[in-house]
Amino acid sequence: MKKINTLRSISGRGLGLMAKTGFHCPANGFWRPEDRSMDPVFVFEGSIMPAGRGGSTVWLLEDAVVGPPTHLLPAR
């Protein structure tokens, strides 16, 4: 099993979170490859970070999705 701890601060870029292809995503949000070769993609926290166009890549968090859901699920 891969390590979940893939966080590292990056000053002046995005929201300061990064993750590498093949590691667990540290936060819900839109992630963009470091080389900006693709549009941002939404990745759920705990999911495995995808490969970029060139294969393995470093992803930078562009826009985080935090807080309670905006819409409640219907009661069963």
N, C-alpha and C. Protein backbone atom coordinates (compact mmCIF):
# COMPACT_ATOMS: atom_id res chain seq x y z
N MET A 1 0.84 -1.18 0.00
CA MET A 1 0.00 0.00 0.00
C MET A 1 0.89 1.24 0.00
N LYS A 2 0.47 2.25 -0.74
CA LYS A 2 1.25 3.47 -0.83
C LYS A 2 0.98 4.38 0.36
N LYS A 3 1.94 5.23 0.67
CA LYS A 3 1.78 6.18 1.76
C LYS A 3 0.77 7.25 1.39
N ILE A 4 -0.04 7.67 2.35
CA ILE A 4 -1.02 8.74 2.11
C ILE A 4 -0.36 10.10 2.23
N ASN A 5 0.67 10.24 3.02
CA ASN A 5 1.30 11.52 3.25
C ASN A 5 2.08 11.98 2.02
N THR A 6 1.44 12.80 1.18
CA THR A 6 2.09 13.32 -0.02
C THR A 6 2.07 14.85 -0.02
N LEU A 7 1.85 15.45 1.12
CA LEU A 7 1.73 16.90 1.21
C LEU A 7 3.09 17.56 1.31
N ARG A 8 3.20 18.73 0.69
CA ARG A 8 4.38 19.56 0.84
C ARG A 8 3.98 20.98 0.50
N SER A 9 4.44 21.93 1.28
CA SER A 9 4.11 23.33 1.01
C SER A 9 4.93 23.84 -0.15
N ILE A 10 4.27 24.60 -1.02
CA ILE A 10 4.96 25.26 -2.12
C ILE A 10 4.56 26.72 -2.06
N SER A 11 5.50 27.61 -1.80
CA SER A 11 5.16 29.01 -1.65
C SER A 11 4.84 29.65 -3.00
N GLY A 12 3.76 30.41 -3.00
CA GLY A 12 3.40 31.19 -4.18
C GLY A 12 2.76 30.41 -5.31
N ARG A 13 2.41 29.14 -5.11
CA ARG A 13 1.80 28.37 -6.19
C ARG A 13 0.51 27.75 -5.70
N GLY A 14 -0.58 27.99 -6.39
CA GLY A 14 -1.86 27.39 -6.04
C GLY A 14 -2.19 27.56 -4.57
N LEU A 15 -2.64 26.49 -3.94
CA LEU A 15 -2.99 26.53 -2.52
C LEU A 15 -1.91 25.91 -1.66
N GLY A 16 -0.77 25.59 -2.26
CA GLY A 16 0.36 25.08 -1.49
C GLY A 16 0.37 23.58 -1.28
N LEU A 17 -0.50 22.82 -1.95
CA LEU A 17 -0.48 21.37 -1.82
C LEU A 17 -0.05 20.76 -3.13
N MET A 18 0.68 19.64 -3.02
CA MET A 18 1.07 18.91 -4.21
C MET A 18 0.93 17.42 -3.95
N ALA A 19 0.79 16.65 -5.00
CA ALA A 19 0.73 15.20 -4.90
C ALA A 19 1.31 14.63 -6.19
N LYS A 20 1.86 13.44 -6.11
CA LYS A 20 2.46 12.80 -7.27
C LYS A 20 1.56 11.69 -7.80
N THR A 21 1.67 11.44 -9.10
CA THR A 21 0.95 10.34 -9.73
C THR A 21 1.21 9.05 -8.96
N GLY A 22 0.14 8.30 -8.69
CA GLY A 22 0.26 7.02 -8.02
C GLY A 22 0.12 7.09 -6.51
N PHE A 23 0.10 8.29 -5.93
CA PHE A 23 -0.06 8.46 -4.49
C PHE A 23 -1.49 8.90 -4.19
N HIS A 24 -1.89 8.77 -2.94
CA HIS A 24 -3.25 9.18 -2.54
C HIS A 24 -3.39 10.69 -2.57
N CYS A 25 -4.56 11.15 -3.02
CA CYS A 25 -4.87 12.58 -3.07
C CYS A 25 -5.08 13.10 -1.64
N PRO A 26 -4.39 14.17 -1.26
CA PRO A 26 -4.52 14.69 0.10
C PRO A 26 -5.76 15.54 0.36
N ALA A 27 -6.45 16.02 -0.69
CA ALA A 27 -7.60 16.89 -0.48
C ALA A 27 -8.50 16.90 -1.72
N ASN A 28 -9.83 16.99 -1.50
CA ASN A 28 -10.77 17.16 -2.61
C ASN A 28 -10.42 18.45 -3.33
N GLY A 29 -10.51 18.44 -4.63
CA GLY A 29 -10.33 19.68 -5.34
C GLY A 29 -9.91 19.48 -6.78
N PHE A 30 -9.68 20.60 -7.44
CA PHE A 30 -9.22 20.60 -8.83
C PHE A 30 -7.71 20.68 -8.83
N TRP A 31 -7.09 19.73 -9.49
CA TRP A 31 -5.64 19.60 -9.53
C TRP A 31 -5.15 19.80 -10.96
N ARG A 32 -4.02 20.49 -11.11
CA ARG A 32 -3.43 20.75 -12.43
C ARG A 32 -1.99 20.22 -12.42
N PRO A 33 -1.55 19.60 -13.54
CA PRO A 33 -0.16 19.15 -13.60
C PRO A 33 0.80 20.34 -13.46
N GLU A 34 1.92 20.09 -12.85
CA GLU A 34 2.91 21.14 -12.63
C GLU A 34 3.35 21.80 -13.94
N ASP A 35 3.42 21.02 -15.02
CA ASP A 35 3.84 21.58 -16.31
C ASP A 35 2.70 22.26 -17.07
N ARG A 36 1.50 22.27 -16.47
CA ARG A 36 0.31 22.91 -17.03
C ARG A 36 -0.07 22.36 -18.41
N SER A 37 0.23 21.09 -18.65
CA SER A 37 -0.04 20.47 -19.94
C SER A 37 -1.51 20.05 -20.12
N MET A 38 -2.30 20.11 -19.04
CA MET A 38 -3.71 19.72 -19.08
C MET A 38 -4.54 20.71 -18.30
N ASP A 39 -5.85 20.70 -18.57
CA ASP A 39 -6.78 21.46 -17.75
C ASP A 39 -6.88 20.79 -16.38
N PRO A 40 -7.31 21.55 -15.36
CA PRO A 40 -7.46 20.94 -14.03
C PRO A 40 -8.48 19.80 -14.06
N VAL A 41 -8.24 18.79 -13.22
CA VAL A 41 -9.17 17.67 -13.07
C VAL A 41 -9.57 17.57 -11.60
N PHE A 42 -10.82 17.16 -11.35
CA PHE A 42 -11.28 17.00 -9.98
C PHE A 42 -10.86 15.63 -9.47
N VAL A 43 -10.23 15.60 -8.28
CA VAL A 43 -9.82 14.35 -7.66
C VAL A 43 -10.33 14.35 -6.23
N PHE A 44 -10.95 13.23 -5.81
CA PHE A 44 -11.46 13.10 -4.45
C PHE A 44 -10.33 12.73 -3.50
N GLU A 45 -10.39 13.26 -2.28
CA GLU A 45 -9.42 12.92 -1.25
C GLU A 45 -9.37 11.40 -1.06
N GLY A 46 -8.16 10.87 -1.01
CA GLY A 46 -7.97 9.43 -0.83
C GLY A 46 -7.87 8.65 -2.12
N SER A 47 -8.29 9.26 -3.24
CA SER A 47 -8.17 8.60 -4.53
C SER A 47 -6.70 8.60 -4.96
N ILE A 48 -6.37 7.71 -5.89
CA ILE A 48 -5.01 7.67 -6.42
C ILE A 48 -4.88 8.77 -7.47
N MET A 49 -3.82 9.56 -7.37
CA MET A 49 -3.60 10.64 -8.33
C MET A 49 -3.31 10.05 -9.71
N PRO A 50 -3.95 10.62 -10.76
CA PRO A 50 -3.81 10.07 -12.11
C PRO A 50 -2.48 10.46 -12.76
N ALA A 51 -2.22 9.84 -13.89
CA ALA A 51 -1.06 10.21 -14.70
C ALA A 51 -1.41 11.42 -15.54
N GLY A 52 -0.43 12.19 -15.89
CA GLY A 52 -0.63 13.32 -16.79
C GLY A 52 -0.42 12.87 -18.23
N ARG A 53 -0.35 13.81 -19.13
CA ARG A 53 -0.16 13.47 -20.55
C ARG A 53 1.19 12.78 -20.78
N GLY A 54 2.19 13.17 -20.02
CA GLY A 54 3.52 12.59 -20.19
C GLY A 54 3.78 11.43 -19.24
N GLY A 55 2.73 10.88 -18.62
CA GLY A 55 2.91 9.79 -17.66
C GLY A 55 2.93 10.32 -16.24
N SER A 56 3.89 9.90 -15.45
CA SER A 56 3.99 10.33 -14.06
C SER A 56 4.21 11.84 -13.98
N THR A 57 3.49 12.49 -13.08
CA THR A 57 3.61 13.95 -12.95
C THR A 57 3.39 14.38 -11.52
N VAL A 58 3.71 15.63 -11.25
CA VAL A 58 3.43 16.27 -9.97
C VAL A 58 2.20 17.13 -10.18
N TRP A 59 1.22 16.99 -9.28
CA TRP A 59 -0.03 17.74 -9.37
C TRP A 59 -0.06 18.83 -8.32
N LEU A 60 -0.55 20.01 -8.68
CA LEU A 60 -0.69 21.14 -7.77
C LEU A 60 -2.17 21.44 -7.57
N LEU A 61 -2.57 21.66 -6.34
CA LEU A 61 -3.97 21.96 -6.04
C LEU A 61 -4.30 23.37 -6.50
N GLU A 62 -5.30 23.47 -7.37
CA GLU A 62 -5.73 24.77 -7.91
C GLU A 62 -6.89 25.34 -7.11
N ASP A 63 -7.87 24.49 -6.78
CA ASP A 63 -9.07 24.97 -6.11
C ASP A 63 -9.58 23.86 -5.20
N ALA A 64 -9.61 24.11 -3.90
CA ALA A 64 -10.03 23.11 -2.93
C ALA A 64 -11.54 23.15 -2.74
N VAL A 65 -12.11 22.01 -2.41
CA VAL A 65 -13.53 21.90 -2.10
C VAL A 65 -13.61 21.42 -0.67
N VAL A 66 -13.96 22.33 0.24
CA VAL A 66 -13.98 22.01 1.66
C VAL A 66 -15.33 22.38 2.27
N GLY A 67 -15.56 21.86 3.45
CA GLY A 67 -16.78 22.22 4.17
C GLY A 67 -17.89 21.22 3.95
N PRO A 68 -19.04 21.47 4.57
CA PRO A 68 -20.17 20.55 4.44
C PRO A 68 -20.74 20.59 3.02
N PRO A 69 -21.45 19.54 2.63
CA PRO A 69 -22.06 19.52 1.29
C PRO A 69 -23.03 20.67 1.13
N THR A 70 -23.14 21.17 -0.08
CA THR A 70 -24.07 22.27 -0.35
C THR A 70 -25.49 21.78 -0.48
N HIS A 71 -25.68 20.49 -0.80
CA HIS A 71 -27.00 19.90 -0.94
C HIS A 71 -27.06 18.67 -0.06
N LEU A 72 -28.09 18.58 0.75
CA LEU A 72 -28.26 17.41 1.60
C LEU A 72 -28.81 16.25 0.78
N LEU A 73 -28.39 15.04 1.14
CA LEU A 73 -28.92 13.85 0.49
C LEU A 73 -30.34 13.61 0.97
N PRO A 74 -31.21 13.09 0.11
CA PRO A 74 -32.59 12.83 0.53
C PRO A 74 -32.62 11.71 1.58
N ALA A 75 -33.59 11.79 2.47
CA ALA A 75 -33.75 10.77 3.52
C ALA A 75 -34.25 9.49 2.88
N ARG A 76 -33.84 8.38 3.46
CA ARG A 76 -34.28 7.08 2.92
C ARG A 76 -35.47 6.57 3.65
